[in-house]
Amino acid sequence: MCLGVPGKIVEAYEKNGLKMAKVDFGGIFREACLDYVPEAQVGEYCVIHVGFAISVLSESEAMETLDLLRQIGTLEEELGTT
């Protein structure tokens, strides 16, 4: 299964002409492209799907989604930590 997972942008930078970010998924850090959501800022949450931020969401929406993913047991699978 491939889901979009909320993560918090902790750093933004440019790489090879693309707007990129270091994203925190509850202590697991991954790189993601922000070109689809150029308005996204450090400290905000985005839904990340296959390495691309596809939407910005509030912290409460992000926490609710992460909790639901943990409950159904897919969060670790999606982040590659199992």
Protein backbone atom coordinates (compact mmCIF):
# COMPACT_ATOMS: atom_id res chain seq x y z
CA MET A 1 0.00 0.00 0.00
CA CYS A 2 1.26 3.50 -0.67
CA LEU A 3 -0.14 6.31 1.45
CA GLY A 4 0.50 10.01 1.86
CA VAL A 5 1.95 10.54 5.34
CA PRO A 6 1.99 13.86 7.23
CA GLY A 7 5.37 15.19 8.24
CA LYS A 8 6.74 18.42 9.70
CA ILE A 9 9.10 20.51 7.59
CA VAL A 10 12.21 21.14 9.68
CA GLU A 11 14.48 22.56 6.99
CA ALA A 12 13.95 23.94 3.49
CA TYR A 13 16.60 24.31 0.80
CA GLU A 14 17.19 24.18 -2.93
CA LYS A 15 18.70 21.14 -4.61
CA ASN A 16 19.25 20.85 -8.36
CA GLY A 17 16.81 23.71 -8.95
CA LEU A 18 14.03 22.14 -6.84
CA LYS A 19 12.58 23.35 -3.55
CA MET A 20 13.37 20.55 -1.09
CA ALA A 21 12.86 19.89 2.60
CA LYS A 22 14.01 17.75 5.45
CA VAL A 23 10.78 16.35 6.90
CA ASP A 24 10.27 14.89 10.38
CA PHE A 25 7.88 11.95 10.70
CA GLY A 26 8.00 11.66 14.49
CA GLY A 27 11.75 11.23 14.71
CA ILE A 28 12.25 9.64 11.30
CA PHE A 29 13.68 12.15 8.84
CA ARG A 30 13.29 11.98 5.08
CA GLU A 31 13.90 14.32 2.17
CA ALA A 32 10.92 15.54 0.16
CA CYS A 33 10.33 17.83 -2.80
CA LEU A 34 8.20 20.92 -2.09
CA ASP A 35 7.72 22.08 -5.68
CA TYR A 36 4.02 21.09 -5.69
CA VAL A 37 3.40 23.20 -2.56
CA PRO A 38 5.80 26.15 -2.90
CA GLU A 39 3.92 28.02 -0.16
CA ALA A 40 4.98 25.43 2.46
CA GLN A 41 7.23 26.82 5.18
CA VAL A 42 9.52 25.42 7.88
CA GLY A 43 7.40 24.42 10.88
CA GLU A 44 4.34 23.50 8.79
CA TYR A 45 2.99 20.03 8.10
CA CYS A 46 2.61 18.54 4.64
CA VAL A 47 1.28 15.28 3.29
CA ILE A 48 4.23 13.49 1.68
CA HIS A 49 3.59 10.90 -1.04
CA VAL A 50 6.51 9.06 -2.69
CA GLY A 51 8.92 11.86 -1.81
CA PHE A 52 6.70 14.77 -2.86
CA ALA A 53 4.75 17.15 -0.64
CA ILE A 54 1.25 17.22 -2.12
CA SER A 55 -0.66 19.39 0.35
CA VAL A 56 -0.20 21.55 3.43
CA LEU A 57 -2.30 20.76 6.51
CA SER A 58 -2.71 21.99 10.06
CA GLU A 59 -0.87 20.44 12.98
CA SER A 60 -4.13 19.05 14.39
CA GLU A 61 -4.99 17.40 11.05
CA ALA A 62 -1.48 15.95 10.87
CA MET A 63 -1.63 14.54 14.42
CA GLU A 64 -5.06 13.01 13.81
CA THR A 65 -3.89 11.36 10.59
CA LEU A 66 -0.68 10.05 12.17
CA ASP A 67 -2.67 8.59 15.07
CA LEU A 68 -5.03 6.82 12.65
CA LEU A 69 -2.09 5.41 10.65
CA ARG A 70 -0.53 4.10 13.88
CA GLN A 71 -3.83 2.50 14.89
CA ILE A 72 -4.14 0.59 11.63
CA GLY A 73 -0.46 -0.34 11.76
CA THR A 74 0.69 1.14 8.47
CA LEU A 75 2.82 4.09 9.60
CA GLU A 76 6.03 2.14 10.10
CA GLU A 77 5.47 0.24 6.86
CA GLU A 78 5.05 3.46 4.89
CA LEU A 79 8.18 5.01 6.44
CA GLY A 80 10.25 1.89 5.85
CA THR A 81 11.01 1.27 9.52
CA THR A 82 9.76 -2.31 9.78
